[in-house]
C-alpha atoms as a PDB file:
ATOM      1  CA  MET A   1      28.467 -17.775  -1.692  1.00  0.00           C
ATOM      2  CA  ARG A   2      25.226 -15.794  -1.354  1.00  0.00           C
ATOM      3  CA  ARG A   3      25.787 -12.242  -0.098  1.00  0.00           C
ATOM      4  CA  PRO A   4      24.014 -11.066   3.070  1.00  0.00           C
ATOM      5  CA  THR A   5      20.633  -9.425   2.532  1.00  0.00           C
ATOM      6  CA  TYR A   6      21.748  -6.133   4.071  1.00  0.00           C
ATOM      7  CA  GLU A   7      24.635  -5.974   1.579  1.00  0.00           C
ATOM      8  CA  ALA A   8      22.265  -6.534  -1.347  1.00  0.00           C
ATOM      9  CA  LEU A   9      20.074  -3.633  -0.198  1.00  0.00           C
ATOM     10  CA  LEU A  10      22.931  -1.261   0.648  1.00  0.00           C
ATOM     11  CA  THR A  11      24.313  -1.698  -2.873  1.00  0.00           C
ATOM     12  CA  TRP A  12      21.433   0.478  -4.118  1.00  0.00           C
ATOM     13  CA  LEU A  13      21.289   3.009  -1.273  1.00  0.00           C
ATOM     14  CA  ASP A  14      21.233   6.620  -2.480  1.00  0.00           C
ATOM     15  CA  PRO A  15      24.718   8.009  -1.622  1.00  0.00           C
ATOM     16  CA  GLU A  16      23.234  11.495  -1.162  1.00  0.00           C
ATOM     17  CA  ALA A  17      20.480  10.406   1.222  1.00  0.00           C
ATOM     18  CA  SER A  18      20.243  12.583   4.304  1.00  0.00           C
ATOM     19  CA  ALA A  19      17.843  10.239   6.120  1.00  0.00           C
ATOM     20  CA  VAL A  20      18.002   6.446   6.075  1.00  0.00           C
ATOM     21  CA  ILE A  21      15.901   3.869   7.926  1.00  0.00           C
ATOM     22  CA  TYR A  22      16.445   0.124   8.130  1.00  0.00           C
ATOM     23  CA  ALA A  23      13.577  -1.829   9.664  1.00  0.00           C
ATOM     24  CA  ASP A  24      12.844  -5.509  10.142  1.00  0.00           C
ATOM     25  CA  VAL A  25       9.156  -5.359   9.238  1.00  0.00           C
ATOM     26  CA  ALA A  26       8.645  -9.000  10.230  1.00  0.00           C
ATOM     27  CA  THR A  27       8.638  -7.899  13.869  1.00  0.00           C
ATOM     28  CA  ASN A  28       5.137  -6.390  13.484  1.00  0.00           C
ATOM     29  CA  LEU A  29       6.431  -3.307  15.245  1.00  0.00           C
ATOM     30  CA  ASP A  30       3.933  -0.450  14.969  1.00  0.00           C
ATOM     31  CA  LEU A  31       6.465   1.983  13.530  1.00  0.00           C
ATOM     32  CA  GLU A  32       4.270   5.053  13.994  1.00  0.00           C
ATOM     33  CA  ALA A  33       3.573   4.245  17.663  1.00  0.00           C
ATOM     34  CA  PHE A  34       7.304   3.635  18.091  1.00  0.00           C
ATOM     35  CA  GLY A  35       7.904   7.116  16.686  1.00  0.00           C
ATOM     36  CA  VAL A  36       5.585   8.631  19.296  1.00  0.00           C
ATOM     37  CA  VAL A  37       7.175   6.832  22.241  1.00  0.00           C
ATOM     38  CA  PHE A  38      10.704   7.753  21.220  1.00  0.00           C
ATOM     39  CA  ALA A  39      10.009  11.339  20.086  1.00  0.00           C
ATOM     40  CA  VAL A  40      10.922  10.770  16.441  1.00  0.00           C
ATOM     41  CA  PRO A  41      10.567  13.923  14.264  1.00  0.00           C
ATOM     42  CA  PRO A  42       7.608  14.122  11.837  1.00  0.00           C
ATOM     43  CA  ARG A  43       9.701  13.689   8.693  1.00  0.00           C
ATOM     44  CA  VAL A  44      11.111  10.418   9.986  1.00  0.00           C
ATOM     45  CA  VAL A  45       7.681   9.239  11.178  1.00  0.00           C
ATOM     46  CA  ARG A  46       6.442   9.710   7.610  1.00  0.00           C
ATOM     47  CA  MET A  47       9.313   7.574   6.390  1.00  0.00           C
ATOM     48  CA  LEU A  48       8.406   4.869   8.897  1.00  0.00           C
ATOM     49  CA  ARG A  49       4.850   4.987   7.577  1.00  0.00           C
ATOM     50  CA  ASP A  50       6.127   4.669   4.012  1.00  0.00           C
ATOM     51  CA  LEU A  51       8.027   1.482   4.836  1.00  0.00           C
ATOM     52  CA  ARG A  52       4.758  -0.177   5.835  1.00  0.00           C
ATOM     53  CA  SER A  53       2.766   1.184   2.901  1.00  0.00           C
ATOM     54  CA  VAL A  54       4.672  -0.992   0.408  1.00  0.00           C
ATOM     55  CA  ASP A  55       3.154  -4.152   1.878  1.00  0.00           C
ATOM     56  CA  ARG A  56      -0.283  -2.528   2.013  1.00  0.00           C
ATOM     57  CA  LEU A  57      -0.085  -1.650  -1.694  1.00  0.00           C
ATOM     58  CA  LEU A  58       0.851  -5.174  -2.739  1.00  0.00           C
ATOM     59  CA  ASP A  59      -1.735  -6.687  -0.414  1.00  0.00           C
ATOM     60  CA  ALA A  60      -4.435  -4.519  -1.997  1.00  0.00           C
ATOM     61  CA  MET A  61      -3.435  -5.187  -5.602  1.00  0.00           C
ATOM     62  CA  LEU A  62      -2.236  -8.792  -5.674  1.00  0.00           C
ATOM     63  CA  VAL A  63      -4.004 -11.988  -4.717  1.00  0.00           C
ATOM     64  CA  LEU A  64      -1.367 -13.573  -2.496  1.00  0.00           C
ATOM     65  CA  GLU A  65      -2.026 -16.643  -0.389  1.00  0.00           C
ATOM     66  CA  ASP A  66       0.457 -15.579   2.307  1.00  0.00           C
ATOM     67  CA  GLY A  67       0.312 -11.821   1.737  1.00  0.00           C
ATOM     68  CA  PRO A  68       3.229  -9.664   0.513  1.00  0.00           C
ATOM     69  CA  ARG A  69       5.692 -11.543   2.681  1.00  0.00           C
ATOM     70  CA  SER A  70       5.446 -14.481   0.299  1.00  0.00           C
ATOM     71  CA  TRP A  71       7.144 -12.197  -2.255  1.00  0.00           C
ATOM     72  CA  LEU A  72       9.299  -9.802  -0.240  1.00  0.00           C
ATOM     73  CA  GLY A  73      11.761 -10.421   2.556  1.00  0.00           C
ATOM     74  CA  ALA A  74      11.387  -8.780   5.953  1.00  0.00           C
ATOM     75  CA  PRO A  75      14.118  -6.106   5.840  1.00  0.00           C
ATOM     76  CA  ALA A  76      13.151  -2.700   4.462  1.00  0.00           C
ATOM     77  CA  LEU A  77      15.596   0.101   3.692  1.00  0.00           C
ATOM     78  CA  GLY A  78      14.143   3.576   3.195  1.00  0.00           C
ATOM     79  CA  SER A  79      15.912   6.790   2.188  1.00  0.00           C
ATOM     80  CA  GLN A  80      15.180  10.445   1.466  1.00  0.00           C
ATOM     81  CA  HIS A  81      17.094  13.392   0.010  1.00  0.00           C
ATOM     82  CA  ALA A  82      17.467  16.520   2.111  1.00  0.00           C
ATOM     83  CA  GLY A  83      14.374  18.683   1.697  1.00  0.00           C
ATOM     84  CA  SER A  84      12.396  15.868   0.054  1.00  0.00           C
ATOM     85  CA  SER A  85       9.286  14.209   1.419  1.00  0.00           C
ATOM     86  CA  GLU A  86       9.492  11.227  -0.961  1.00  0.00           C
ATOM     87  CA  THR A  87      10.823   7.940   0.357  1.00  0.00           C
ATOM     88  CA  TYR A  88      12.613   5.350  -1.737  1.00  0.00           C
ATOM     89  CA  VAL A  89      12.196   1.831  -0.337  1.00  0.00           C
ATOM     90  CA  LEU A  90      14.379  -1.214  -1.000  1.00  0.00           C
ATOM     91  CA  ARG A  91      13.229  -4.756  -0.209  1.00  0.00           C
ATOM     92  CA  PRO A  92      14.678  -8.219  -0.872  1.00  0.00           C
ATOM     93  CA  LEU A  93      12.790 -10.268  -3.464  1.00  0.00           C
ATOM     94  CA  ILE A  94      12.386 -13.839  -2.250  1.00  0.00           C
ATOM     95  CA  ALA A  95       9.966 -15.072  -4.939  1.00  0.00           C
ATOM     96  CA  PRO A  96      11.119 -15.938  -8.473  1.00  0.00           C
ATOM     97  CA  ARG A  97      11.569 -12.718 -10.391  1.00  0.00           C
ATOM     98  CA  ALA A  98       9.497 -13.859 -13.385  1.00  0.00           C
ATOM     99  CA  GLU A  99       6.549 -14.752 -11.150  1.00  0.00           C
ATOM    100  CA  PHE A 100       6.715 -11.410  -9.358  1.00  0.00           C
ATOM    101  CA  GLU A 101       6.780  -9.458 -12.626  1.00  0.00           C
ATOM    102  CA  ALA A 102       3.918 -11.520 -14.053  1.00  0.00           C
ATOM    103  CA  ALA A 103       1.791 -10.923 -10.941  1.00  0.00           C
ATOM    104  CA  LEU A 104       2.283  -7.150 -11.179  1.00  0.00           C
ATOM    105  CA  VAL A 105       1.491  -7.073 -14.894  1.00  0.00           C
ATOM    106  CA  ALA A 106      -1.649  -9.126 -14.251  1.00  0.00           C
ATOM    107  CA  ALA A 107      -2.622  -6.572 -11.571  1.00  0.00           C
ATOM    108  CA  GLY A 108      -2.478  -3.738 -14.112  1.00  0.00           C
ATOM    109  CA  PHE A 109       1.108  -2.516 -13.778  1.00  0.00           C
ATOM    110  CA  GLU A 110       2.693  -1.378 -17.041  1.00  0.00           C
ATOM    111  CA  ARG A 111       6.097  -2.921 -17.789  1.00  0.00           C
ATOM    112  CA  MET A 112       8.912  -0.815 -19.259  1.00  0.00           C
ATOM    113  CA  VAL A 113      12.707  -0.957 -19.406  1.00  0.00           C
ATOM    114  CA  SER A 114      15.020   1.950 -18.558  1.00  0.00           C
ATOM    115  CA  GLU A 115      18.804   1.797 -18.208  1.00  0.00           C
ATOM    116  CA  GLY A 116      18.540  -1.954 -18.579  1.00  0.00           C
ATOM    117  CA  LEU A 117      16.256  -2.246 -15.534  1.00  0.00           C
ATOM    118  CA  THR A 118      12.638  -3.349 -15.522  1.00  0.00           C
ATOM    119  CA  ILE A 119      10.157  -0.855 -14.070  1.00  0.00           C
ATOM    120  CA  LEU A 120       6.518  -1.673 -13.414  1.00  0.00           C
ATOM    121  CA  ALA A 121       4.315   1.402 -13.138  1.00  0.00           C
ATOM    122  CA  PRO A 122       0.862   1.149 -11.507  1.00  0.00           C
ATOM    123  CA  ARG A 123      -2.276   2.845 -12.693  1.00  0.00           C
ATOM    124  CA  ALA A 124      -2.699   6.498 -11.750  1.00  0.00           C
ATOM    125  CA  GLY A 125      -3.180   7.372  -8.102  1.00  0.00           C
ATOM    126  CA  LEU A 126      -0.976   4.675  -6.576  1.00  0.00           C
ATOM    127  CA  PRO A 127       2.145   5.804  -4.724  1.00  0.00           C
ATOM    128  CA  TRP A 128       4.904   3.498  -5.991  1.00  0.00           C
ATOM    129  CA  LYS A 129       6.584   2.326  -9.157  1.00  0.00           C
ATOM    130  CA  VAL A 130       8.403  -0.986  -8.804  1.00  0.00           C
ATOM    131  CA  ALA A 131      11.938  -1.420 -10.159  1.00  0.00           C
ATOM    132  CA  ILE A 132      13.430  -4.903 -10.426  1.00  0.00           C
ATOM    133  CA  LEU A 133      17.031  -4.010  -9.621  1.00  0.00           C
ATOM    134  CA  GLU A 134      18.419  -7.529  -9.344  1.00  0.00           C
ATOM    135  CA  ASP A 135      16.955 -10.996  -9.063  1.00  0.00           C
ATOM    136  CA  ASP A 136      16.903 -10.532  -5.280  1.00  0.00           C
ATOM    137  CA  VAL A 137      16.347  -6.763  -4.836  1.00  0.00           C
ATOM    138  CA  VAL A 138      13.284  -4.631  -5.572  1.00  0.00           C
ATOM    139  CA  GLY A 139      13.131  -0.844  -5.403  1.00  0.00           C
ATOM    140  CA  PHE A 140       9.918   1.079  -4.741  1.00  0.00           C
ATOM    141  CA  ILE A 141      10.156   4.475  -6.421  1.00  0.00           C
ATOM    142  CA  PRO A 142       7.811   7.312  -5.411  1.00  0.00           C
ATOM    143  CA  ALA A 143       5.279   7.848  -8.183  1.00  0.00           C
ATOM    144  CA  GLY A 144       6.046  11.572  -8.145  1.00  0.00           C
ATOM    145  CA  ALA A 145       9.777  11.114  -8.806  1.00  0.00           C
ATOM    146  CA  LEU A 146      11.073  12.876 -11.906  1.00  0.00           C
ATOM    147  CA  GLY A 147      11.531  10.773 -15.032  1.00  0.00           C
ATOM    148  CA  ASP A 148      11.953   7.081 -14.358  1.00  0.00           C
ATOM    149  CA  GLY A 149      13.089   7.840 -10.799  1.00  0.00           C
ATOM    150  CA  LEU A 150      16.096   5.545 -11.060  1.00  0.00           C
ATOM    151  CA  ASP A 151      18.864   8.111 -10.508  1.00  0.00           C
ATOM    152  CA  PRO A 152      19.193   7.741  -6.697  1.00  0.00           C
ATOM    153  CA  LEU A 153      19.247   3.939  -7.037  1.00  0.00           C
ATOM    154  CA  THR A 154      21.761   3.714  -9.875  1.00  0.00           C
ATOM    155  CA  ALA A 155      23.932   6.290  -8.075  1.00  0.00           C
ATOM    156  CA  GLY A 156      23.949   3.919  -5.108  1.00  0.00           C
ATOM    157  CA  ARG A 157      25.114   1.124  -7.381  1.00  0.00           C
ATOM    158  CA  ASP A 158      27.742   3.142  -9.252  1.00  0.00           C
ATOM    159  CA  MET A 159      29.121   5.643  -6.694  1.00  0.00           C
ATOM    160  CA  PRO A 160      31.392   5.011  -3.678  1.00  0.00           C
ATOM    161  CA  ALA A 161      29.629   4.164  -0.430  1.00  0.00           C
ATOM    162  CA  SER A 162      28.465   7.124   1.660  1.00  0.00           C
ATOM    163  CA  GLU A 163      29.352   7.487   5.339  1.00  0.00           C
ATOM    164  CA  ILE A 164      25.807   6.416   6.271  1.00  0.00           C
ATOM    165  CA  GLU A 165      26.168   3.266   4.167  1.00  0.00           C
ATOM    166  CA  LYS A 166      29.519   2.446   5.765  1.00  0.00           C
ATOM    167  CA  GLU A 167      28.124   2.928   9.260  1.00  0.00           C
ATOM    168  CA  LEU A 168      25.070   0.787   8.523  1.00  0.00           C
ATOM    169  CA  ALA A 169      27.260  -1.979   7.107  1.00  0.00           C
ATOM    170  CA  ALA A 170      29.341  -1.864  10.291  1.00  0.00           C
ATOM    171  CA  ARG A 171      26.182  -2.125  12.422  1.00  0.00           C
ATOM    172  CA  PHE A 172      25.134  -5.291  10.613  1.00  0.00           C
ATOM    173  CA  THR A 173      28.486  -6.985  11.086  1.00  0.00           C
ATOM    174  CA  ARG A 174      28.829  -6.390  14.819  1.00  0.00           C
ATOM    175  CA  GLY A 175      26.638  -7.102  17.808  1.00  0.00           C
ATOM    176  CA  PRO A 176      23.066  -8.439  17.933  1.00  0.00           C
ATOM    177  CA  ARG A 177      20.559  -8.424  15.100  1.00  0.00           C
ATOM    178  CA  VAL A 178      19.355  -4.959  14.119  1.00  0.00           C
ATOM    179  CA  VAL A 179      15.579  -4.506  14.395  1.00  0.00           C
ATOM    180  CA  LEU A 180      15.479  -0.791  13.599  1.00  0.00           C
ATOM    181  CA  GLU A 181      18.157   1.704  12.633  1.00  0.00           C
ATOM    182  CA  ILE A 182      17.559   5.384  11.872  1.00  0.00           C
ATOM    183  CA  MET A 183      20.282   7.775  10.720  1.00  0.00           C
ATOM    184  CA  ALA A 184      19.182  11.264   9.736  1.00  0.00           C
ATOM    185  CA  ALA A 185      20.948  14.585   9.266  1.00  0.00           C
ATOM    186  CA  GLY A 186      19.170  17.872   9.769  1.00  0.00           C
ATOM    187  CA  PRO A 187      17.801  20.322   9.821  1.00  0.00           C
ATOM    188  CA  LEU A 188      14.893  18.230  11.088  1.00  0.00           C
ATOM    189  CA  LEU A 189      11.798  19.966  12.416  1.00  0.00           C
ATOM    190  CA  HIS A 190      10.853  18.605  15.837  1.00  0.00           C
ATOM    191  CA  LEU A 191       7.461  19.681  17.142  1.00  0.00           C
ATOM    192  CA  ASP A 192       8.292  18.985  20.797  1.00  0.00           C
ATOM    193  CA  LEU A 193      11.581  20.860  21.035  1.00  0.00           C
ATOM    194  CA  GLU A 194      10.896  24.321  19.594  1.00  0.00           C
ATOM    195  CA  GLN A 195      14.240  23.880  17.854  1.00  0.00           C
ATOM    196  CA  GLU A 196      15.496  21.746  14.988  1.00  0.00           C
ATOM    197  CA  LEU A 197      17.700  18.683  15.131  1.00  0.00           C
ATOM    198  CA  GLY A 198      21.044  18.593  13.389  1.00  0.00           C
ATOM    199  CA  GLN A 199      21.280  14.817  13.737  1.00  0.00           C
ATOM    200  CA  LEU A 200      19.127  11.885  14.825  1.00  0.00           C
ATOM    201  CA  LEU A 201      20.279   8.349  15.563  1.00  0.00           C
ATOM    202  CA  VAL A 202      17.991   5.524  16.715  1.00  0.00           C
ATOM    203  CA  HIS A 203      19.034   1.924  17.297  1.00  0.00           C
ATOM    204  CA  ALA A 204      16.852  -0.997  18.398  1.00  0.00           C
ATOM    205  CA  GLU A 205      18.056  -4.540  18.969  1.00  0.00           C
ATOM    206  CA  PRO A 206      16.644  -7.641  20.678  1.00  0.00           C
ATOM    207  CA  TRP A 207      16.821  -7.690  24.470  1.00  0.00           C
ATOM    208  CA  GLU A 208      15.561 -10.738  26.368  1.00  0.00           C
ATOM    209  CA  GLN A 209      12.018 -11.070  24.941  1.00  0.00           C
ATOM    210  CA  GLY A 210      11.739  -7.396  24.090  1.00  0.00           C
ATOM    211  CA  LEU A 211      13.819  -4.573  22.607  1.00  0.00           C
ATOM    212  CA  ASP A 212      16.671  -2.381  23.773  1.00  0.00           C
ATOM    213  CA  VAL A 213      16.239   1.058  22.185  1.00  0.00           C
ATOM    214  CA  SER A 214      18.849   3.820  22.275  1.00  0.00           C
ATOM    215  CA  LEU A 215      18.570   7.323  20.817  1.00  0.00           C
ATOM    216  CA  HIS A 216      20.821  10.283  20.176  1.00  0.00           C
ATOM    217  CA  PHE A 217      19.556  13.755  19.302  1.00  0.00           C
ATOM    218  CA  VAL A 218      21.832  16.661  18.391  1.00  0.00           C
ATOM    219  CA  PRO A 219      19.707  19.820  18.634  1.00  0.00           C
ATOM    220  CA  THR A 220      20.692  23.004  16.824  1.00  0.00           C
ATOM    221  CA  ASP A 221      20.339  25.056  20.019  1.00  0.00           C
ATOM    222  CA  ASP A 222      20.575  24.274  23.745  1.00  0.00           C
ATOM    223  CA  PRO A 223      20.627  20.516  24.549  1.00  0.00           C
ATOM    224  CA  MET A 224      19.444  21.157  28.114  1.00  0.00           C
ATOM    225  CA  ASP A 225      16.350  22.893  26.738  1.00  0.00           C
ATOM    226  CA  ALA A 226      15.862  19.852  24.534  1.00  0.00           C
ATOM    227  CA  ILE A 227      15.961  17.517  27.547  1.00  0.00           C
ATOM    228  CA  THR A 228      13.379  19.642  29.352  1.00  0.00           C
ATOM    229  CA  ALA A 229      11.116  19.626  26.301  1.00  0.00           C
ATOM    230  CA  LEU A 230      11.503  15.889  25.699  1.00  0.00           C
ATOM    231  CA  THR A 231      10.782  15.056  29.317  1.00  0.00           C
ATOM    232  CA  GLY A 232       7.655  17.227  29.354  1.00  0.00           C
ATOM    233  CA  ARG A 233       6.328  16.516  25.851  1.00  0.00           C
ATOM    234  CA  ASP A 234       2.586  16.373  25.342  1.00  0.00           C
ATOM    235  CA  THR A 235       1.238  12.886  24.566  1.00  0.00           C
ATOM    236  CA  THR A 236      -2.346  13.491  25.713  1.00  0.00           C
ATOM    237  CA  LEU A 237      -3.797  12.314  22.397  1.00  0.00           C
ATOM    238  CA  GLU A 238      -2.194   8.885  22.766  1.00  0.00           C
ATOM    239  CA  THR A 239      -3.438   5.815  24.649  1.00  0.00           C
ATOM    240  CA  ASP A 240      -2.614   5.388  28.332  1.00  0.00           C
ATOM    241  CA  GLN A 241      -0.159   2.614  27.438  1.00  0.00           C
ATOM    242  CA  ILE A 242       1.699   4.711  24.878  1.00  0.00           C
ATOM    243  CA  ARG A 243       1.873   7.668  27.272  1.00  0.00           C
ATOM    244  CA  ALA A 244       3.275   5.432  30.002  1.00  0.00           C
ATOM    245  CA  LEU A 245       6.027   4.124  27.714  1.00  0.00           C
ATOM    246  CA  ALA A 246       6.893   7.644  26.527  1.00  0.00           C
ATOM    247  CA  ARG A 247       7.320   8.816  30.141  1.00  0.00           C
ATOM    248  CA  ARG A 248       9.795   6.008  30.821  1.00  0.00           C
ATOM    249  CA  VAL A 249      12.300   7.000  28.119  1.00  0.00           C
ATOM    250  CA  ALA A 250      15.313   8.353  30.050  1.00  0.00           C
ATOM    251  CA  PHE A 251      17.023  11.370  28.441  1.00  0.00           C
ATOM    252  CA  GLU A 252      20.383  12.779  29.513  1.00  0.00           C
ATOM    253  CA  LEU A 253      23.088  15.109  28.270  1.00  0.00           C
ATOM    254  CA  GLU A 254      25.787  13.407  26.201  1.00  0.00           C
ATOM    255  CA  GLY A 255      28.429  15.588  24.579  1.00  0.00           C
ATOM    256  CA  PRO A 256      26.803  18.209  22.352  1.00  0.00           C
ATOM    257  CA  GLY A 257      23.588  16.229  22.206  1.00  0.00           C
ATOM    258  CA  VAL A 258      20.981  14.274  24.135  1.00  0.00           C
ATOM    259  CA  SER A 259      20.909  10.513  24.576  1.00  0.00           C
ATOM    260  CA  GLY A 260      17.868   8.436  25.430  1.00  0.00           C
ATOM    261  CA  ARG A 261      17.241   4.810  26.256  1.00  0.00           C
ATOM    262  CA  LEU A 262      14.457   2.421  27.135  1.00  0.00           C
ATOM    263  CA  GLN A 263      14.518  -1.345  27.449  1.00  0.00           C
ATOM    264  CA  LEU A 264      11.139  -2.713  26.431  1.00  0.00           C
ATOM    265  CA  THR A 265      10.019  -5.944  28.093  1.00  0.00           C
ATOM    266  CA  ALA A 266       7.902  -8.446  26.198  1.00  0.00           C
ATOM    267  CA  LYS A 267       4.818  -6.873  27.812  1.00  0.00           C
ATOM    268  CA  ASP A 268       5.932  -3.400  26.766  1.00  0.00           C
ATOM    269  CA  LEU A 269       6.651  -4.566  23.233  1.00  0.00           C
ATOM    270  CA  ALA A 270       3.147  -5.982  22.906  1.00  0.00           C
ATOM    271  CA  VAL A 271       1.831  -2.409  23.199  1.00  0.00           C
ATOM    272  CA  LEU A 272       3.875  -1.462  20.116  1.00  0.00           C
ATOM    273  CA  GLN A 273       2.926  -4.395  17.925  1.00  0.00           C
ATOM    274  CA  VAL A 274       0.238  -4.749  15.281  1.00  0.00           C
ATOM    275  CA  PRO A 275      -1.319  -8.060  14.242  1.00  0.00           C
ATOM    276  CA  HIS A 276      -0.153  -9.832  11.101  1.00  0.00           C
END
């Protein structure tokens, strides 16, 4: 029996990751605009941007009739170490492995083998090395990672599951389909709050024809100050539509932290989508 895609990706999740994002990139959700509306900290916004950049790299380097999605499945799993700005990305491989490797080699990637795994390194200046982890899982390793960059991935394979991995697995086995899941531990700089976050949780799932988005922030200082700052945050550089959505996110005190929620209608969601 074929294992679920989320299980295949979680097998390789860095057990020491302090920030993890799962995103269904087939939704065409503008992840950066989403980050603005829901007050996501800069470090996590950069991770959201990284998830999209994998497809852009392949689209630029490979001649693909249907774009990168003819090779890679829609789910993307990104992770970062504490204090690191480099994102590891895991994607399901839906094309035959041999064809994928051959396409990368033809595009100028250099093939090598390390720890029994195939790594394809691009020419200088490109941001990712590609590791074929299994016939159905590909890892995108930051080009600046030390050595072959495999350590966080092989640790995910060989070490017991982290608490983040266990919680993500539970999310996938209960309730509606997950569109976006963010789990991050601080300290996380937040430009709107004038204080750091100790924890960030974001969950988005389908709702009618739109999305139901819930948030939880645990600030390192006063949560009431955080609510005031979040409610009055400056979005003047954004479009009128983005500003309107940001104003509608309802924040309230919940335990030691702040919860937020917004149900996006189909019309709302259109504001946060990019074309194929």
